Amino acid sequence: MIIEHKENISSDFQGTIIDIETIGNFSNNYPPNDSRRYKDIKQVIFGYINKECLHILCAAGTEAIDALKARIKETIDSLEKPLYAFNCDFERGVLFHHLNIELHFDGELNAEKYERKADVIRYLDIDNYDDPFYDNGKLCLIAWERGEFDKAIAHNRACLLKEKDILVKRNFRKPDELILIKN
């Protein structure tokens, strides 16, 4: 089963911001710009926000991951361009290895590789948006694995709204280079 969360919003940016939540571990025996670092990570939540809508798709357990993959593949081409993410390497790498999708992002919302979102939120004085995990994605992973899907969705929702504020307040930069390599 896929849990779906939708909200109508009104914002003043063009394009779509994507934020995903995942389970699995990084393969740290590859260089930072090698997509194979993400080969063991599975997507469990796909969220996006544009100027009119916030939309989240959540797999309700591991048995729903394949259904989530199908829904993402149905949705991805209809997203309004340009595309943004806080860490484009992560989204691109996971989508490439988990869904076999080569997605081009136009803008990176972190100011530099490995910038912590929590630091940006404090610096730009951005609201927490009821994030139960205060930007700690590891806690979201644990909640999802425990079946606390409402908390995982609340975290993804907050991430999307924070990333929208980052884009509006600070703009974006050119994404880092990620070399897409299949095993």
C-alpha atoms as a PDB file:
ATOM      1  CA  MET A   1       0.000   0.000   0.000  1.00  0.00           C
ATOM      2  CA  ILE A   2       1.113   3.544  -0.805  1.00  0.00           C
ATOM      3  CA  ILE A   3       0.217   6.307   1.627  1.00  0.00           C
ATOM      4  CA  GLU A   4      -0.361   9.569  -0.201  1.00  0.00           C
ATOM      5  CA  HIS A   5      -0.219  13.052   1.310  1.00  0.00           C
ATOM      6  CA  LYS A   6      -1.189  16.137  -0.725  1.00  0.00           C
ATOM      7  CA  GLU A   7      -1.453  19.804   0.171  1.00  0.00           C
ATOM      8  CA  ASN A   8      -2.295  22.807  -1.940  1.00  0.00           C
ATOM      9  CA  ILE A   9       0.203  25.601  -1.402  1.00  0.00           C
ATOM     10  CA  SER A  10       1.048  28.929  -2.954  1.00  0.00           C
ATOM     11  CA  SER A  11       4.676  29.793  -3.529  1.00  0.00           C
ATOM     12  CA  ASP A  12       6.742  32.013  -5.772  1.00  0.00           C
ATOM     13  CA  PHE A  13       9.298  29.741  -7.429  1.00  0.00           C
ATOM     14  CA  GLN A  14       9.365  27.952 -10.762  1.00  0.00           C
ATOM     15  CA  GLY A  15      10.031  24.247 -11.023  1.00  0.00           C
ATOM     16  CA  THR A  16       9.971  21.350  -8.575  1.00  0.00           C
ATOM     17  CA  ILE A  17      11.972  20.418  -5.498  1.00  0.00           C
ATOM     18  CA  ILE A  18      12.411  16.686  -4.880  1.00  0.00           C
ATOM     19  CA  ASP A  19      13.232  15.133  -1.506  1.00  0.00           C
ATOM     20  CA  ILE A  20      13.408  11.417  -0.808  1.00  0.00           C
ATOM     21  CA  GLU A  21      13.673   9.237   2.287  1.00  0.00           C
ATOM     22  CA  THR A  22      15.494   5.936   2.113  1.00  0.00           C
ATOM     23  CA  ILE A  23      16.607   2.776   3.883  1.00  0.00           C
ATOM     24  CA  GLY A  24      19.937   1.031   3.414  1.00  0.00           C
ATOM     25  CA  ASN A  25      23.553   2.030   3.696  1.00  0.00           C
ATOM     26  CA  PHE A  26      26.099   3.880   1.611  1.00  0.00           C
ATOM     27  CA  SER A  27      28.769   1.828  -0.161  1.00  0.00           C
ATOM     28  CA  ASN A  28      31.692   3.892   1.070  1.00  0.00           C
ATOM     29  CA  ASN A  29      34.351   1.995  -0.906  1.00  0.00           C
ATOM     30  CA  TYR A  30      33.625   4.260  -3.911  1.00  0.00           C
ATOM     31  CA  PRO A  31      34.727   7.870  -4.492  1.00  0.00           C
ATOM     32  CA  PRO A  32      32.272  10.645  -3.492  1.00  0.00           C
ATOM     33  CA  ASN A  33      31.260  11.385  -7.105  1.00  0.00           C
ATOM     34  CA  ASP A  34      30.598   7.707  -8.034  1.00  0.00           C
ATOM     35  CA  SER A  35      26.914   6.756  -8.104  1.00  0.00           C
ATOM     36  CA  ARG A  36      27.707   3.234  -6.876  1.00  0.00           C
ATOM     37  CA  ARG A  37      27.863   4.730  -3.360  1.00  0.00           C
ATOM     38  CA  TYR A  38      24.029   4.616  -3.524  1.00  0.00           C
ATOM     39  CA  LYS A  39      23.556   1.118  -4.972  1.00  0.00           C
ATOM     40  CA  ASP A  40      22.417  -0.443  -1.660  1.00  0.00           C
ATOM     41  CA  ILE A  41      19.936   2.294  -0.770  1.00  0.00           C
ATOM     42  CA  LYS A  42      16.204   1.860  -1.393  1.00  0.00           C
ATOM     43  CA  GLN A  43      13.735   4.671  -1.652  1.00  0.00           C
ATOM     44  CA  VAL A  44      10.738   4.491   0.698  1.00  0.00           C
ATOM     45  CA  ILE A  45       9.345   8.042   0.379  1.00  0.00           C
ATOM     46  CA  PHE A  46       9.189  10.286  -2.677  1.00  0.00           C
ATOM     47  CA  GLY A  47       8.186  13.875  -2.012  1.00  0.00           C
ATOM     48  CA  TYR A  48       8.025  16.909  -4.231  1.00  0.00           C
ATOM     49  CA  ILE A  49       6.862  20.490  -4.019  1.00  0.00           C
ATOM     50  CA  ASN A  50       6.146  23.088  -6.686  1.00  0.00           C
ATOM     51  CA  LYS A  51       4.463  26.498  -6.590  1.00  0.00           C
ATOM     52  CA  GLU A  52       0.981  24.972  -6.198  1.00  0.00           C
ATOM     53  CA  CYS A  53       1.273  21.577  -4.489  1.00  0.00           C
ATOM     54  CA  LEU A  54       3.191  19.495  -1.984  1.00  0.00           C
ATOM     55  CA  HIS A  55       2.876  15.765  -2.732  1.00  0.00           C
ATOM     56  CA  ILE A  56       4.320  12.796  -0.835  1.00  0.00           C
ATOM     57  CA  LEU A  57       4.185   9.096  -1.699  1.00  0.00           C
ATOM     58  CA  CYS A  58       5.188   6.695   1.094  1.00  0.00           C
ATOM     59  CA  ALA A  59       5.624   2.942   0.873  1.00  0.00           C
ATOM     60  CA  ALA A  60       3.792   1.451   3.868  1.00  0.00           C
ATOM     61  CA  GLY A  61       6.397  -1.241   4.535  1.00  0.00           C
ATOM     62  CA  THR A  62       8.995  -3.060   2.472  1.00  0.00           C
ATOM     63  CA  GLU A  63       6.312  -5.017   0.592  1.00  0.00           C
ATOM     64  CA  ALA A  64       5.094  -1.697  -0.899  1.00  0.00           C
ATOM     65  CA  ILE A  65       8.470  -0.534  -2.237  1.00  0.00           C
ATOM     66  CA  ASP A  66       7.856  -1.986  -5.717  1.00  0.00           C
ATOM     67  CA  ALA A  67       4.474  -0.222  -5.885  1.00  0.00           C
ATOM     68  CA  LEU A  68       6.221   3.033  -4.880  1.00  0.00           C
ATOM     69  CA  LYS A  69       8.777   2.531  -7.643  1.00  0.00           C
ATOM     70  CA  ALA A  70       5.968   2.180 -10.189  1.00  0.00           C
ATOM     71  CA  ARG A  71       4.215   5.337  -8.941  1.00  0.00           C
ATOM     72  CA  ILE A  72       7.436   7.341  -9.090  1.00  0.00           C
ATOM     73  CA  LYS A  73       8.084   6.196 -12.669  1.00  0.00           C
ATOM     74  CA  GLU A  74       4.540   7.311 -13.584  1.00  0.00           C
ATOM     75  CA  THR A  75       5.065  10.705 -11.915  1.00  0.00           C
ATOM     76  CA  ILE A  76       8.644  11.751 -12.621  1.00  0.00           C
ATOM     77  CA  ASP A  77       8.264  12.902 -16.244  1.00  0.00           C
ATOM     78  CA  SER A  78       5.313  15.147 -15.379  1.00  0.00           C
ATOM     79  CA  LEU A  79       7.234  17.221 -12.816  1.00  0.00           C
ATOM     80  CA  GLU A  80       7.629  20.872 -13.747  1.00  0.00           C
ATOM     81  CA  LYS A  81      11.202  21.849 -14.631  1.00  0.00           C
ATOM     82  CA  PRO A  82      13.661  23.073 -13.429  1.00  0.00           C
ATOM     83  CA  LEU A  83      14.338  20.391 -10.824  1.00  0.00           C
ATOM     84  CA  TYR A  84      16.056  21.067  -7.502  1.00  0.00           C
ATOM     85  CA  ALA A  85      17.268  19.038  -4.528  1.00  0.00           C
ATOM     86  CA  PHE A  86      19.223  19.843  -1.391  1.00  0.00           C
ATOM     87  CA  ASN A  87      21.759  17.148  -2.279  1.00  0.00           C
ATOM     88  CA  CYS A  88      21.391  16.287  -5.961  1.00  0.00           C
ATOM     89  CA  ASP A  89      24.009  13.509  -5.817  1.00  0.00           C
ATOM     90  CA  PHE A  90      21.889  11.604  -3.308  1.00  0.00           C
ATOM     91  CA  GLU A  91      18.613  11.906  -5.215  1.00  0.00           C
ATOM     92  CA  ARG A  92      20.269  11.202  -8.576  1.00  0.00           C
ATOM     93  CA  GLY A  93      22.270   8.245  -7.269  1.00  0.00           C
ATOM     94  CA  VAL A  94      19.321   6.599  -5.527  1.00  0.00           C
ATOM     95  CA  LEU A  95      16.955   7.150  -8.475  1.00  0.00           C
ATOM     96  CA  PHE A  96      19.586   5.770 -10.856  1.00  0.00           C
ATOM     97  CA  HIS A  97      20.312   2.596  -8.891  1.00  0.00           C
ATOM     98  CA  HIS A  98      16.903   1.966  -7.336  1.00  0.00           C
ATOM     99  CA  LEU A  99      14.662   2.934 -10.281  1.00  0.00           C
ATOM    100  CA  ASN A 100      17.039   2.924 -13.260  1.00  0.00           C
ATOM    101  CA  ILE A 101      16.172   6.581 -13.935  1.00  0.00           C
ATOM    102  CA  GLU A 102      18.729   9.143 -15.087  1.00  0.00           C
ATOM    103  CA  LEU A 103      17.335  12.412 -13.773  1.00  0.00           C
ATOM    104  CA  HIS A 104      18.917  15.782 -14.469  1.00  0.00           C
ATOM    105  CA  PHE A 105      18.771  18.367 -11.683  1.00  0.00           C
ATOM    106  CA  ASP A 106      19.141  22.036 -12.544  1.00  0.00           C
ATOM    107  CA  GLY A 107      19.893  23.372  -9.082  1.00  0.00           C
ATOM    108  CA  GLU A 108      21.596  22.268  -5.896  1.00  0.00           C
ATOM    109  CA  LEU A 109      20.172  23.850  -2.734  1.00  0.00           C
ATOM    110  CA  ASN A 110      23.160  23.232  -0.490  1.00  0.00           C
ATOM    111  CA  ALA A 111      25.843  25.911  -0.787  1.00  0.00           C
ATOM    112  CA  GLU A 112      28.601  23.302  -0.816  1.00  0.00           C
ATOM    113  CA  LYS A 113      28.853  19.520  -0.795  1.00  0.00           C
ATOM    114  CA  TYR A 114      28.126  18.076   2.660  1.00  0.00           C
ATOM    115  CA  GLU A 115      26.573  21.285   3.994  1.00  0.00           C
ATOM    116  CA  ARG A 116      24.165  20.275   6.771  1.00  0.00           C
ATOM    117  CA  LYS A 117      20.553  21.284   6.215  1.00  0.00           C
ATOM    118  CA  ALA A 118      20.136  21.917   9.958  1.00  0.00           C
ATOM    119  CA  ASP A 119      22.904  24.548   9.803  1.00  0.00           C
ATOM    120  CA  VAL A 120      21.256  26.282   6.837  1.00  0.00           C
ATOM    121  CA  ILE A 121      17.883  26.272   8.603  1.00  0.00           C
ATOM    122  CA  ARG A 122      19.410  27.983  11.649  1.00  0.00           C
ATOM    123  CA  TYR A 123      21.429  30.459   9.591  1.00  0.00           C
ATOM    124  CA  LEU A 124      18.476  31.495   7.397  1.00  0.00           C
ATOM    125  CA  ASP A 125      16.057  31.407  10.374  1.00  0.00           C
ATOM    126  CA  ILE A 126      13.700  28.954   8.665  1.00  0.00           C
ATOM    127  CA  ASP A 127      10.782  27.369  10.519  1.00  0.00           C
ATOM    128  CA  ASN A 128      11.010  23.705  11.628  1.00  0.00           C
ATOM    129  CA  TYR A 129       7.577  23.004  10.042  1.00  0.00           C
ATOM    130  CA  ASP A 130       6.747  20.436  12.748  1.00  0.00           C
ATOM    131  CA  ASP A 131       9.619  18.142  11.732  1.00  0.00           C
ATOM    132  CA  PRO A 132       9.572  15.461  14.446  1.00  0.00           C
ATOM    133  CA  PHE A 133      13.261  14.733  13.796  1.00  0.00           C
ATOM    134  CA  TYR A 134      14.686  18.267  13.411  1.00  0.00           C
ATOM    135  CA  ASP A 135      16.502  17.462  10.146  1.00  0.00           C
ATOM    136  CA  ASN A 136      17.874  14.107  11.336  1.00  0.00           C
ATOM    137  CA  GLY A 137      17.170  11.751   8.434  1.00  0.00           C
ATOM    138  CA  LYS A 138      18.507   8.746  10.346  1.00  0.00           C
ATOM    139  CA  LEU A 139      15.639   9.114  12.836  1.00  0.00           C
ATOM    140  CA  CYS A 140      13.211   9.187   9.898  1.00  0.00           C
ATOM    141  CA  LEU A 141      14.650   5.890   8.632  1.00  0.00           C
ATOM    142  CA  ILE A 142      14.190   4.326  12.082  1.00  0.00           C
ATOM    143  CA  ALA A 143      10.601   5.613  12.329  1.00  0.00           C
ATOM    144  CA  TRP A 144       9.753   4.252   8.875  1.00  0.00           C
ATOM    145  CA  GLU A 145      11.221   0.834   9.756  1.00  0.00           C
ATOM    146  CA  ARG A 146       9.058   0.811  12.930  1.00  0.00           C
ATOM    147  CA  GLY A 147       5.948   1.499  10.852  1.00  0.00           C
ATOM    148  CA  GLU A 148       5.641   5.090  12.088  1.00  0.00           C
ATOM    149  CA  PHE A 149       4.770   6.289   8.606  1.00  0.00           C
ATOM    150  CA  ASP A 150       2.992   9.433   9.837  1.00  0.00           C
ATOM    151  CA  LYS A 151       6.232  10.669  11.445  1.00  0.00           C
ATOM    152  CA  ALA A 152       8.281   9.790   8.355  1.00  0.00           C
ATOM    153  CA  ILE A 153       5.808  11.671   6.149  1.00  0.00           C
ATOM    154  CA  ALA A 154       5.849  14.652   8.549  1.00  0.00           C
ATOM    155  CA  HIS A 155       9.645  14.728   8.267  1.00  0.00           C
ATOM    156  CA  ASN A 156       9.562  14.625   4.460  1.00  0.00           C
ATOM    157  CA  ARG A 157       6.890  17.357   4.408  1.00  0.00           C
ATOM    158  CA  ALA A 158       9.052  19.549   6.639  1.00  0.00           C
ATOM    159  CA  CYS A 159      12.116  18.904   4.461  1.00  0.00           C
ATOM    160  CA  LEU A 160      10.232  19.993   1.345  1.00  0.00           C
ATOM    161  CA  LEU A 161       8.965  23.191   2.979  1.00  0.00           C
ATOM    162  CA  LYS A 162      12.418  24.013   4.377  1.00  0.00           C
ATOM    163  CA  GLU A 163      14.022  23.400   0.991  1.00  0.00           C
ATOM    164  CA  LYS A 164      11.433  25.678  -0.638  1.00  0.00           C
ATOM    165  CA  ASP A 165      12.412  28.403   1.834  1.00  0.00           C
ATOM    166  CA  ILE A 166      16.112  27.812   1.135  1.00  0.00           C
ATOM    167  CA  LEU A 167      15.478  28.178  -2.613  1.00  0.00           C
ATOM    168  CA  VAL A 168      13.436  31.355  -2.162  1.00  0.00           C
ATOM    169  CA  LYS A 169      15.799  32.960   0.391  1.00  0.00           C
ATOM    170  CA  ARG A 170      19.187  31.859  -0.942  1.00  0.00           C
ATOM    171  CA  ASN A 171      18.650  30.547  -4.482  1.00  0.00           C
ATOM    172  CA  PHE A 172      20.669  27.573  -5.812  1.00  0.00           C
ATOM    173  CA  ARG A 173      23.978  26.587  -7.354  1.00  0.00           C
ATOM    174  CA  LYS A 174      25.039  24.310 -10.185  1.00  0.00           C
ATOM    175  CA  PRO A 175      24.855  20.646  -9.083  1.00  0.00           C
ATOM    176  CA  ASP A 176      28.004  18.711  -8.336  1.00  0.00           C
ATOM    177  CA  GLU A 177      29.132  16.161 -10.926  1.00  0.00           C
ATOM    178  CA  LEU A 178      27.974  12.601 -10.266  1.00  0.00           C
ATOM    179  CA  ILE A 179      29.305   9.816 -12.460  1.00  0.00           C
ATOM    180  CA  LEU A 180      26.508   7.316 -13.102  1.00  0.00           C
ATOM    181  CA  ILE A 181      27.954   3.791 -13.098  1.00  0.00           C
ATOM    182  CA  LYS A 182      26.005   0.530 -12.940  1.00  0.00           C
ATOM    183  CA  ASN A 183      27.607  -2.536 -11.378  1.00  0.00           C
END
